[in-house]
Protein backbone atom coordinates (compact mmCIF):
# COMPACT_ATOMS: atom_id res chain seq x y z
CA UNK A 1 0.00 0.00 0.00
CA UNK A 2 2.71 2.47 1.00
CA UNK A 3 6.37 2.25 0.06
CA UNK A 4 9.13 2.90 2.59
CA UNK A 5 9.75 6.63 2.74
CA UNK A 6 6.30 7.62 1.51
CA UNK A 7 4.01 9.73 3.68
CA UNK A 8 1.86 7.36 5.72
CA UNK A 9 4.27 4.41 5.57
CA UNK A 10 5.04 4.39 9.31
CA UNK A 11 1.35 4.67 10.23
CA UNK A 12 0.52 1.87 7.78
CA UNK A 13 3.18 -0.43 9.27
CA UNK A 14 1.77 0.16 12.75
CA UNK A 15 -1.82 -0.38 11.61
CA UNK A 16 -1.24 -3.54 9.56
CA UNK A 17 -0.02 -5.43 12.64
CA UNK A 18 -3.61 -5.30 13.85
CA UNK A 19 -5.41 -6.19 10.60
CA UNK A 20 -6.35 -9.79 9.88
CA UNK A 21 -8.36 -11.76 7.37
CA UNK A 22 -11.13 -13.51 9.34
CA UNK A 23 -10.25 -17.16 8.60
CA UNK A 24 -6.55 -16.49 9.24
CA UNK A 25 -7.41 -14.89 12.59
CA UNK A 26 -9.71 -17.72 13.68
CA UNK A 27 -7.39 -20.57 12.65
CA UNK A 28 -3.88 -19.19 13.20
CA UNK A 29 -4.31 -16.68 16.02
CA UNK A 30 -7.26 -17.90 18.08
CA UNK A 31 -6.65 -21.59 17.18
CA UNK A 32 -10.41 -21.97 16.83
CA UNK A 33 -11.61 -24.22 14.02
CA UNK A 34 -14.76 -26.05 15.12
CA UNK A 35 -17.91 -24.05 15.78
CA UNK A 36 -20.15 -27.12 16.02
CA UNK A 37 -21.91 -26.11 12.82
CA UNK A 38 -23.96 -28.44 10.65
CA UNK A 39 -24.87 -27.92 6.99
CA UNK A 40 -25.73 -31.14 5.09
CA UNK A 41 -25.16 -29.80 1.57
CA UNK A 42 -22.58 -29.59 -1.20
CA UNK A 43 -20.69 -26.30 -1.16
CA UNK A 44 -18.30 -24.67 -3.60
CA UNK A 45 -15.89 -22.14 -2.09
CA UNK A 46 -14.23 -19.49 -4.25
CA UNK A 47 -11.05 -17.98 -2.81
CA UNK A 48 -11.01 -14.21 -2.41
CA UNK A 49 -8.27 -12.96 -4.73
CA UNK A 50 -6.76 -10.65 -2.10
CA UNK A 51 -6.64 -13.38 0.53
CA UNK A 52 -5.17 -15.90 -1.90
CA UNK A 53 -2.72 -13.76 -3.85
CA UNK A 54 -1.68 -11.06 -1.40
CA UNK A 55 -1.86 -12.93 1.91
CA UNK A 56 -1.36 -16.56 0.83
CA UNK A 57 -4.52 -17.71 2.61
CA UNK A 58 -5.86 -20.88 1.02
CA UNK A 59 -6.08 -23.65 3.62
CA UNK A 60 -7.70 -21.72 6.46
CA UNK A 61 -11.18 -21.37 4.88
CA UNK A 62 -11.07 -25.02 3.82
CA UNK A 63 -10.08 -26.14 7.31
CA UNK A 64 -13.05 -24.29 8.79
CA UNK A 65 -15.39 -25.75 6.17
CA UNK A 66 -14.04 -29.26 6.82
CA UNK A 67 -15.26 -29.01 10.41
CA UNK A 68 -18.89 -28.35 9.39
CA UNK A 69 -20.82 -31.60 9.87
CA UNK A 70 -22.43 -32.88 6.69
CA UNK A 71 -20.83 -30.28 4.44
CA UNK A 72 -19.26 -31.62 1.26
CA UNK A 73 -16.73 -29.20 -0.22
CA UNK A 74 -16.57 -29.39 -4.01
CA UNK A 75 -13.52 -27.67 -5.48
CA UNK A 76 -13.83 -25.81 -8.77
CA UNK A 77 -11.68 -26.98 -11.65
CA UNK A 78 -9.78 -23.67 -11.85
CA UNK A 79 -10.13 -22.66 -8.21
CA UNK A 80 -7.44 -19.96 -8.37
CA UNK A 81 -8.87 -18.17 -11.40
CA UNK A 82 -10.05 -14.65 -10.66
CA UNK A 83 -13.82 -14.20 -11.05
CA UNK A 84 -13.50 -10.47 -11.79
CA UNK A 85 -15.98 -9.30 -9.15
CA UNK A 86 -13.50 -7.89 -6.63
CA UNK A 87 -11.54 -4.70 -6.34
CA UNK A 88 -12.55 -1.64 -8.30
CA UNK A 89 -14.93 -3.57 -10.57
CA UNK A 90 -17.40 -4.09 -7.73
CA UNK A 91 -17.07 -0.56 -6.33
PDB file of N, CA and C in Angstrom:
ATOM      1  N   UNK A   1       0.827  -1.189   0.000  1.00  0.00           N
ATOM      2  CA  UNK A   1       0.000   0.000   0.000  1.00  0.00           C
ATOM      3  C   UNK A   1       0.870   1.251   0.000  1.00  0.00           C
ATOM      4  N   UNK A   2       1.779   1.344   0.951  1.00  0.00           N
ATOM      5  CA  UNK A   2       2.710   2.471   1.004  1.00  0.00           C
ATOM      6  C   UNK A   2       4.126   1.926   0.897  1.00  0.00           C
ATOM      7  N   UNK A   3       4.964   2.636   0.165  1.00  0.00           N
ATOM      8  CA  UNK A   3       6.370   2.248   0.063  1.00  0.00           C
ATOM      9  C   UNK A   3       7.161   2.957   1.159  1.00  0.00           C
ATOM     10  N   UNK A   4       8.254   2.318   1.569  1.00  0.00           N
ATOM     11  CA  UNK A   4       9.126   2.902   2.589  1.00  0.00           C
ATOM     12  C   UNK A   4       9.550   4.303   2.154  1.00  0.00           C
ATOM     13  N   UNK A   5       9.393   5.253   3.036  1.00  0.00           N
ATOM     14  CA  UNK A   5       9.751   6.629   2.736  1.00  0.00           C
ATOM     15  C   UNK A   5       8.570   7.492   2.320  1.00  0.00           C
ATOM     16  N   UNK A   6       7.482   6.861   1.896  1.00  0.00           N
ATOM     17  CA  UNK A   6       6.296   7.625   1.515  1.00  0.00           C
ATOM     18  C   UNK A   6       5.558   8.117   2.753  1.00  0.00           C
ATOM     19  N   UNK A   7       4.857   9.228   2.590  1.00  0.00           N
ATOM     20  CA  UNK A   7       4.008   9.726   3.677  1.00  0.00           C
ATOM     21  C   UNK A   7       2.981   8.652   4.015  1.00  0.00           C
ATOM     22  N   UNK A   8       2.823   8.360   5.277  1.00  0.00           N
ATOM     23  CA  UNK A   8       1.858   7.358   5.718  1.00  0.00           C
ATOM     24  C   UNK A   8       2.440   5.974   5.917  1.00  0.00           C
ATOM     25  N   UNK A   9       3.678   5.740   5.472  1.00  0.00           N
ATOM     26  CA  UNK A   9       4.274   4.408   5.568  1.00  0.00           C
ATOM     27  C   UNK A   9       4.385   3.930   7.013  1.00  0.00           C
ATOM     28  N   UNK A  10       4.871   4.781   7.903  1.00  0.00           N
ATOM     29  CA  UNK A  10       5.035   4.394   9.311  1.00  0.00           C
ATOM     30  C   UNK A  10       3.687   4.087   9.952  1.00  0.00           C
ATOM     31  N   UNK A  11       2.689   4.917   9.685  1.00  0.00           N
ATOM     32  CA  UNK A  11       1.347   4.666  10.227  1.00  0.00           C
ATOM     33  C   UNK A  11       0.777   3.362   9.683  1.00  0.00           C
ATOM     34  N   UNK A  12       0.994   3.111   8.393  1.00  0.00           N
ATOM     35  CA  UNK A  12       0.516   1.874   7.778  1.00  0.00           C
ATOM     36  C   UNK A  12       1.174   0.652   8.420  1.00  0.00           C
ATOM     37  N   UNK A  13       2.472   0.698   8.654  1.00  0.00           N
ATOM     38  CA  UNK A  13       3.178  -0.431   9.270  1.00  0.00           C
ATOM     39  C   UNK A  13       2.617  -0.726  10.658  1.00  0.00           C
ATOM     40  N   UNK A  14       2.321   0.311  11.403  1.00  0.00           N
ATOM     41  CA  UNK A  14       1.768   0.160  12.749  1.00  0.00           C
ATOM     42  C   UNK A  14       0.343  -0.414  12.682  1.00  0.00           C
ATOM     43  N   UNK A  15      -0.444   0.070  11.756  1.00  0.00           N
ATOM     44  CA  UNK A  15      -1.824  -0.378  11.606  1.00  0.00           C
ATOM     45  C   UNK A  15      -1.918  -1.823  11.129  1.00  0.00           C
ATOM     46  N   UNK A  16      -1.097  -2.209  10.158  1.00  0.00           N
ATOM     47  CA  UNK A  16      -1.244  -3.537   9.563  1.00  0.00           C
ATOM     48  C   UNK A  16      -0.934  -4.679  10.536  1.00  0.00           C
ATOM     49  N   UNK A  17      -0.249  -4.395  11.626  1.00  0.00           N
ATOM     50  CA  UNK A  17      -0.016  -5.431  12.641  1.00  0.00           C
ATOM     51  C   UNK A  17      -1.317  -5.857  13.307  1.00  0.00           C
ATOM     52  N   UNK A  18      -2.335  -5.022  13.204  1.00  0.00           N
ATOM     53  CA  UNK A  18      -3.614  -5.297  13.855  1.00  0.00           C
ATOM     54  C   UNK A  18      -4.739  -5.600  12.873  1.00  0.00           C
ATOM     55  N   UNK A  19      -4.413  -5.849  11.617  1.00  0.00           N
ATOM     56  CA  UNK A  19      -5.410  -6.186  10.604  1.00  0.00           C
ATOM     57  C   UNK A  19      -5.261  -7.652  10.224  1.00  0.00           C
ATOM     58  N   UNK A  20      -6.379  -8.369  10.188  1.00  0.00           N
ATOM     59  CA  UNK A  20      -6.347  -9.791   9.878  1.00  0.00           C
ATOM     60  C   UNK A  20      -7.489 -10.151   8.941  1.00  0.00           C
ATOM     61  N   UNK A  21      -7.284 -11.137   8.124  1.00  0.00           N
ATOM     62  CA  UNK A  21      -8.357 -11.761   7.371  1.00  0.00           C
ATOM     63  C   UNK A  21      -9.037 -12.702   8.359  1.00  0.00           C
ATOM     64  N   UNK A  22     -10.367 -12.798   8.317  1.00  0.00           N
ATOM     65  CA  UNK A  22     -11.126 -13.507   9.340  1.00  0.00           C
ATOM     66  C   UNK A  22     -10.700 -14.959   9.520  1.00  0.00           C
ATOM     67  N   UNK A  23     -10.593 -15.738   8.440  1.00  0.00           N
ATOM     68  CA  UNK A  23     -10.253 -17.158   8.605  1.00  0.00           C
ATOM     69  C   UNK A  23      -8.835 -17.334   9.135  1.00  0.00           C
ATOM     70  N   UNK A  24      -7.919 -16.465   8.720  1.00  0.00           N
ATOM     71  CA  UNK A  24      -6.552 -16.487   9.243  1.00  0.00           C
ATOM     72  C   UNK A  24      -6.564 -16.217  10.744  1.00  0.00           C
ATOM     73  N   UNK A  25      -7.336 -15.240  11.170  1.00  0.00           N
ATOM     74  CA  UNK A  25      -7.407 -14.887  12.587  1.00  0.00           C
ATOM     75  C   UNK A  25      -7.985 -16.032  13.415  1.00  0.00           C
ATOM     76  N   UNK A  26      -9.077 -16.624  12.943  1.00  0.00           N
ATOM     77  CA  UNK A  26      -9.706 -17.723  13.683  1.00  0.00           C
ATOM     78  C   UNK A  26      -8.777 -18.928  13.803  1.00  0.00           C
ATOM     79  N   UNK A  27      -8.189 -19.336  12.688  1.00  0.00           N
ATOM     80  CA  UNK A  27      -7.387 -20.567  12.648  1.00  0.00           C
ATOM     81  C   UNK A  27      -5.995 -20.373  13.244  1.00  0.00           C
ATOM     82  N   UNK A  28      -5.294 -19.337  12.835  1.00  0.00           N
ATOM     83  CA  UNK A  28      -3.884 -19.193  13.205  1.00  0.00           C
ATOM     84  C   UNK A  28      -3.622 -18.390  14.475  1.00  0.00           C
ATOM     85  N   UNK A  29      -4.542 -17.515  14.840  1.00  0.00           N
ATOM     86  CA  UNK A  29      -4.309 -16.681  16.021  1.00  0.00           C
ATOM     87  C   UNK A  29      -5.130 -17.145  17.221  1.00  0.00           C
ATOM     88  N   UNK A  30      -6.417 -17.421  16.989  1.00  0.00           N
ATOM     89  CA  UNK A  30      -7.261 -17.903  18.084  1.00  0.00           C
ATOM     90  C   UNK A  30      -7.212 -19.421  18.235  1.00  0.00           C
ATOM     91  N   UNK A  31      -6.702 -20.120  17.191  1.00  0.00           N
ATOM     92  CA  UNK A  31      -6.646 -21.593  17.181  1.00  0.00           C
ATOM     93  C   UNK A  31      -8.050 -22.186  17.351  1.00  0.00           C
ATOM     94  N   UNK A  32      -9.025 -21.546  16.720  1.00  0.00           N
ATOM     95  CA  UNK A  32     -10.413 -21.969  16.832  1.00  0.00           C
ATOM     96  C   UNK A  32     -10.887 -22.422  15.461  1.00  0.00           C
ATOM     97  N   UNK A  33     -11.231 -23.705  15.339  1.00  0.00           N
ATOM     98  CA  UNK A  33     -11.607 -24.224  14.024  1.00  0.00           C
ATOM     99  C   UNK A  33     -12.967 -24.905  13.986  1.00  0.00           C
ATOM    100  N   UNK A  34     -13.498 -25.298  15.122  1.00  0.00           N
ATOM    101  CA  UNK A  34     -14.761 -26.046  15.123  1.00  0.00           C
ATOM    102  C   UNK A  34     -15.823 -25.278  15.896  1.00  0.00           C
ATOM    103  N   UNK A  35     -16.831 -24.815  15.176  1.00  0.00           N
ATOM    104  CA  UNK A  35     -17.914 -24.050  15.780  1.00  0.00           C
ATOM    105  C   UNK A  35     -19.133 -24.916  16.075  1.00  0.00           C
ATOM    106  N   UNK A  36     -19.024 -26.217  15.797  1.00  0.00           N
ATOM    107  CA  UNK A  36     -20.146 -27.116  16.019  1.00  0.00           C
ATOM    108  C   UNK A  36     -21.256 -26.938  14.995  1.00  0.00           C
ATOM    109  N   UNK A  37     -20.914 -26.380  13.852  1.00  0.00           N
ATOM    110  CA  UNK A  37     -21.909 -26.107  12.816  1.00  0.00           C
ATOM    111  C   UNK A  37     -22.270 -27.368  12.046  1.00  0.00           C
ATOM    112  N   UNK A  38     -23.464 -27.343  11.480  1.00  0.00           N
ATOM    113  CA  UNK A  38     -23.956 -28.439  10.652  1.00  0.00           C
ATOM    114  C   UNK A  38     -24.616 -27.846   9.412  1.00  0.00           C
ATOM    115  N   UNK A  39     -24.290 -28.391   8.247  1.00  0.00           N
ATOM    116  CA  UNK A  39     -24.874 -27.923   6.992  1.00  0.00           C
ATOM    117  C   UNK A  39     -24.774 -29.067   5.996  1.00  0.00           C
ATOM    118  N   UNK A  40     -25.802 -29.928   5.907  1.00  0.00           N
ATOM    119  CA  UNK A  40     -25.729 -31.137   5.085  1.00  0.00           C
ATOM    120  C   UNK A  40     -25.957 -30.872   3.593  1.00  0.00           C
ATOM    121  N   UNK A  41     -25.029 -30.158   2.985  1.00  0.00           N
ATOM    122  CA  UNK A  41     -25.164 -29.804   1.570  1.00  0.00           C
ATOM    123  C   UNK A  41     -23.791 -29.770   0.909  1.00  0.00           C
ATOM    124  N   UNK A  42     -23.802 -29.797  -0.440  1.00  0.00           N
ATOM    125  CA  UNK A  42     -22.577 -29.587  -1.202  1.00  0.00           C
ATOM    126  C   UNK A  42     -22.335 -28.090  -1.286  1.00  0.00           C
ATOM    127  N   UNK A  43     -21.071 -27.708  -1.143  1.00  0.00           N
ATOM    128  CA  UNK A  43     -20.692 -26.296  -1.159  1.00  0.00           C
ATOM    129  C   UNK A  43     -19.467 -26.119  -2.044  1.00  0.00           C
ATOM    130  N   UNK A  44     -19.467 -25.047  -2.814  1.00  0.00           N
ATOM    131  CA  UNK A  44     -18.296 -24.672  -3.602  1.00  0.00           C
ATOM    132  C   UNK A  44     -17.766 -23.371  -3.013  1.00  0.00           C
ATOM    133  N   UNK A  45     -16.502 -23.336  -2.664  1.00  0.00           N
ATOM    134  CA  UNK A  45     -15.888 -22.139  -2.087  1.00  0.00           C
ATOM    135  C   UNK A  45     -14.957 -21.512  -3.118  1.00  0.00           C
ATOM    136  N   UNK A  46     -15.126 -20.209  -3.344  1.00  0.00           N
ATOM    137  CA  UNK A  46     -14.229 -19.487  -4.249  1.00  0.00           C
ATOM    138  C   UNK A  46     -13.317 -18.596  -3.409  1.00  0.00           C
ATOM    139  N   UNK A  47     -12.025 -18.772  -3.570  1.00  0.00           N
ATOM    140  CA  UNK A  47     -11.051 -17.979  -2.815  1.00  0.00           C
ATOM    141  C   UNK A  47     -11.149 -16.500  -3.176  1.00  0.00           C
ATOM    142  N   UNK A  48     -11.100 -15.645  -2.168  1.00  0.00           N
ATOM    143  CA  UNK A  48     -11.006 -14.206  -2.407  1.00  0.00           C
ATOM    144  C   UNK A  48      -9.617 -13.931  -2.975  1.00  0.00           C
ATOM    145  N   UNK A  49      -9.553 -13.207  -4.061  1.00  0.00           N
ATOM    146  CA  UNK A  49      -8.266 -12.961  -4.725  1.00  0.00           C
ATOM    147  C   UNK A  49      -7.243 -12.304  -3.802  1.00  0.00           C
ATOM    148  N   UNK A  50      -7.685 -11.332  -3.014  1.00  0.00           N
ATOM    149  CA  UNK A  50      -6.759 -10.654  -2.105  1.00  0.00           C
ATOM    150  C   UNK A  50      -6.213 -11.622  -1.072  1.00  0.00           C
ATOM    151  N   UNK A  51      -7.087 -12.418  -0.477  1.00  0.00           N
ATOM    152  CA  UNK A  51      -6.639 -13.384   0.534  1.00  0.00           C
ATOM    153  C   UNK A  51      -5.661 -14.380  -0.080  1.00  0.00           C
ATOM    154  N   UNK A  52      -5.992 -14.883  -1.247  1.00  0.00           N
ATOM    155  CA  UNK A  52      -5.168 -15.902  -1.898  1.00  0.00           C
ATOM    156  C   UNK A  52      -3.846 -15.335  -2.408  1.00  0.00           C
ATOM    157  N   UNK A  53      -3.912 -14.267  -3.174  1.00  0.00           N
ATOM    158  CA  UNK A  53      -2.716 -13.762  -3.849  1.00  0.00           C
ATOM    159  C   UNK A  53      -1.846 -12.843  -2.988  1.00  0.00           C
ATOM    160  N   UNK A  54      -2.465 -12.010  -2.182  1.00  0.00           N
ATOM    161  CA  UNK A  54      -1.678 -11.057  -1.400  1.00  0.00           C
ATOM    162  C   UNK A  54      -1.284 -11.589  -0.029  1.00  0.00           C
ATOM    163  N   UNK A  55      -2.131 -12.449   0.550  1.00  0.00           N
ATOM    164  CA  UNK A  55      -1.861 -12.933   1.906  1.00  0.00           C
ATOM    165  C   UNK A  55      -1.557 -14.425   1.977  1.00  0.00           C
ATOM    166  N   UNK A  56      -1.673 -15.134   0.851  1.00  0.00           N
ATOM    167  CA  UNK A  56      -1.359 -16.559   0.833  1.00  0.00           C
ATOM    168  C   UNK A  56      -2.308 -17.414   1.663  1.00  0.00           C
ATOM    169  N   UNK A  57      -3.546 -16.974   1.799  1.00  0.00           N
ATOM    170  CA  UNK A  57      -4.522 -17.707   2.611  1.00  0.00           C
ATOM    171  C   UNK A  57      -5.349 -18.612   1.706  1.00  0.00           C
ATOM    172  N   UNK A  58      -5.122 -19.902   1.821  1.00  0.00           N
ATOM    173  CA  UNK A  58      -5.864 -20.877   1.021  1.00  0.00           C
ATOM    174  C   UNK A  58      -6.430 -21.987   1.894  1.00  0.00           C
ATOM    175  N   UNK A  59      -5.657 -22.498   2.824  1.00  0.00           N
ATOM    176  CA  UNK A  59      -6.083 -23.648   3.621  1.00  0.00           C
ATOM    177  C   UNK A  59      -7.028 -23.286   4.765  1.00  0.00           C
ATOM    178  N   UNK A  60      -6.906 -22.089   5.295  1.00  0.00           N
ATOM    179  CA  UNK A  60      -7.704 -21.715   6.465  1.00  0.00           C
ATOM    180  C   UNK A  60      -9.209 -21.803   6.222  1.00  0.00           C
ATOM    181  N   UNK A  61      -9.737 -21.240   5.119  1.00  0.00           N
ATOM    182  CA  UNK A  61     -11.176 -21.374   4.879  1.00  0.00           C
ATOM    183  C   UNK A  61     -11.595 -22.832   4.708  1.00  0.00           C
ATOM    184  N   UNK A  62     -10.757 -23.610   4.047  1.00  0.00           N
ATOM    185  CA  UNK A  62     -11.069 -25.020   3.824  1.00  0.00           C
ATOM    186  C   UNK A  62     -11.040 -25.818   5.130  1.00  0.00           C
ATOM    187  N   UNK A  63     -10.122 -25.476   6.009  1.00  0.00           N
ATOM    188  CA  UNK A  63     -10.077 -26.139   7.308  1.00  0.00           C
ATOM    189  C   UNK A  63     -11.364 -25.870   8.081  1.00  0.00           C
ATOM    190  N   UNK A  64     -11.805 -24.619   8.106  1.00  0.00           N
ATOM    191  CA  UNK A  64     -13.051 -24.285   8.794  1.00  0.00           C
ATOM    192  C   UNK A  64     -14.239 -25.014   8.168  1.00  0.00           C
ATOM    193  N   UNK A  65     -14.298 -25.052   6.846  1.00  0.00           N
ATOM    194  CA  UNK A  65     -15.392 -25.754   6.172  1.00  0.00           C
ATOM    195  C   UNK A  65     -15.348 -27.253   6.438  1.00  0.00           C
ATOM    196  N   UNK A  66     -14.157 -27.815   6.573  1.00  0.00           N
ATOM    197  CA  UNK A  66     -14.036 -29.263   6.815  1.00  0.00           C
ATOM    198  C   UNK A  66     -14.599 -29.669   8.171  1.00  0.00           C
ATOM    199  N   UNK A  67     -14.736 -28.722   9.074  1.00  0.00           N
ATOM    200  CA  UNK A  67     -15.261 -29.007  10.414  1.00  0.00           C
ATOM    201  C   UNK A  67     -16.788 -28.920  10.480  1.00  0.00           C
ATOM    202  N   UNK A  68     -17.428 -28.463   9.415  1.00  0.00           N
ATOM    203  CA  UNK A  68     -18.889 -28.351   9.391  1.00  0.00           C
ATOM    204  C   UNK A  68     -19.471 -29.727   9.084  1.00  0.00           C
ATOM    205  N   UNK A  69     -20.249 -30.252  10.013  1.00  0.00           N
ATOM    206  CA  UNK A  69     -20.817 -31.596   9.874  1.00  0.00           C
ATOM    207  C   UNK A  69     -21.775 -31.659   8.688  1.00  0.00           C
ATOM    208  N   UNK A  70     -21.558 -32.657   7.830  1.00  0.00           N
ATOM    209  CA  UNK A  70     -22.428 -32.879   6.688  1.00  0.00           C
ATOM    210  C   UNK A  70     -22.066 -32.086   5.453  1.00  0.00           C
ATOM    211  N   UNK A  71     -21.198 -31.108   5.578  1.00  0.00           N
ATOM    212  CA  UNK A  71     -20.829 -30.278   4.435  1.00  0.00           C
ATOM    213  C   UNK A  71     -19.862 -31.033   3.532  1.00  0.00           C
ATOM    214  N   UNK A  72     -20.159 -31.026   2.244  1.00  0.00           N
ATOM    215  CA  UNK A  72     -19.256 -31.623   1.258  1.00  0.00           C
ATOM    216  C   UNK A  72     -18.683 -30.494   0.410  1.00  0.00           C
ATOM    217  N   UNK A  73     -17.388 -30.261   0.536  1.00  0.00           N
ATOM    218  CA  UNK A  73     -16.730 -29.204  -0.224  1.00  0.00           C
ATOM    219  C   UNK A  73     -16.375 -29.724  -1.606  1.00  0.00           C
ATOM    220  N   UNK A  74     -16.859 -29.039  -2.618  1.00  0.00           N
ATOM    221  CA  UNK A  74     -16.574 -29.387  -4.008  1.00  0.00           C
ATOM    222  C   UNK A  74     -15.674 -28.291  -4.566  1.00  0.00           C
ATOM    223  N   UNK A  75     -14.464 -28.656  -4.942  1.00  0.00           N
ATOM    224  CA  UNK A  75     -13.518 -27.669  -5.482  1.00  0.00           C
ATOM    225  C   UNK A  75     -13.812 -27.416  -6.958  1.00  0.00           C
ATOM    226  N   UNK A  76     -13.691 -26.160  -7.362  1.00  0.00           N
ATOM    227  CA  UNK A  76     -13.834 -25.809  -8.770  1.00  0.00           C
ATOM    228  C   UNK A  76     -12.617 -26.319  -9.531  1.00  0.00           C
ATOM    229  N   UNK A  77     -12.788 -26.504 -10.821  1.00  0.00           N
ATOM    230  CA  UNK A  77     -11.684 -26.982 -11.648  1.00  0.00           C
ATOM    231  C   UNK A  77     -10.519 -25.986 -11.647  1.00  0.00           C
ATOM    232  N   UNK A  78     -10.811 -24.723 -11.843  1.00  0.00           N
ATOM    233  CA  UNK A  78      -9.782 -23.671 -11.849  1.00  0.00           C
ATOM    234  C   UNK A  78      -9.986 -22.781 -10.632  1.00  0.00           C
ATOM    235  N   UNK A  79      -9.784 -23.341  -9.461  1.00  0.00           N
ATOM    236  CA  UNK A  79     -10.127 -22.657  -8.209  1.00  0.00           C
ATOM    237  C   UNK A  79      -9.373 -21.356  -7.974  1.00  0.00           C
ATOM    238  N   UNK A  80      -8.214 -21.182  -8.592  1.00  0.00           N
ATOM    239  CA  UNK A  80      -7.436 -19.963  -8.366  1.00  0.00           C
ATOM    240  C   UNK A  80      -7.629 -18.915  -9.458  1.00  0.00           C
ATOM    241  N   UNK A  81      -8.581 -19.133 -10.352  1.00  0.00           N
ATOM    242  CA  UNK A  81      -8.869 -18.171 -11.403  1.00  0.00           C
ATOM    243  C   UNK A  81      -9.712 -17.035 -10.843  1.00  0.00           C
ATOM    244  N   UNK A  82      -9.326 -15.819 -11.149  1.00  0.00           N
ATOM    245  CA  UNK A  82     -10.050 -14.646 -10.660  1.00  0.00           C
ATOM    246  C   UNK A  82     -11.417 -14.570 -11.330  1.00  0.00           C
ATOM    247  N   UNK A  83     -12.454 -14.298 -10.526  1.00  0.00           N
ATOM    248  CA  UNK A  83     -13.816 -14.201 -11.052  1.00  0.00           C
ATOM    249  C   UNK A  83     -14.107 -12.814 -11.620  1.00  0.00           C
ATOM    250  N   UNK A  84     -13.315 -11.812 -11.266  1.00  0.00           N
ATOM    251  CA  UNK A  84     -13.502 -10.470 -11.792  1.00  0.00           C
ATOM    252  C   UNK A  84     -14.458  -9.592 -11.011  1.00  0.00           C
ATOM    253  N   UNK A  85     -15.004 -10.080  -9.905  1.00  0.00           N
ATOM    254  CA  UNK A  85     -15.981  -9.298  -9.152  1.00  0.00           C
ATOM    255  C   UNK A  85     -15.394  -8.554  -7.962  1.00  0.00           C
ATOM    256  N   UNK A  86     -14.104  -8.580  -7.773  1.00  0.00           N
ATOM    257  CA  UNK A  86     -13.500  -7.893  -6.631  1.00  0.00           C
ATOM    258  C   UNK A  86     -12.906  -6.562  -7.032  1.00  0.00           C
ATOM    259  N   UNK A  87     -12.270  -5.933  -6.071  1.00  0.00           N
ATOM    260  CA  UNK A  87     -11.539  -4.700  -6.338  1.00  0.00           C
ATOM    261  C   UNK A  87     -12.394  -3.574  -6.862  1.00  0.00           C
ATOM    262  N   UNK A  88     -11.856  -2.824  -7.804  1.00  0.00           N
ATOM    263  CA  UNK A  88     -12.552  -1.637  -8.296  1.00  0.00           C
ATOM    264  C   UNK A  88     -13.758  -1.979  -9.152  1.00  0.00           C
ATOM    265  N   UNK A  89     -13.798  -3.181  -9.724  1.00  0.00           N
ATOM    266  CA  UNK A  89     -14.933  -3.570 -10.566  1.00  0.00           C
ATOM    267  C   UNK A  89     -16.224  -3.536  -9.776  1.00  0.00           C
ATOM    268  N   UNK A  90     -16.188  -3.997  -8.528  1.00  0.00           N
ATOM    269  CA  UNK A  90     -17.403  -4.091  -7.725  1.00  0.00           C
ATOM    270  C   UNK A  90     -17.733  -2.794  -6.993  1.00  0.00           C
ATOM    271  N   UNK A  91     -16.847  -1.817  -7.070  1.00  0.00           N
ATOM    272  CA  UNK A  91     -17.072  -0.563  -6.326  1.00  0.00           C
ATOM    273  C   UNK A  91     -18.125   0.303  -6.980  1.00  0.00           C
TER     274      UNK A  91
END
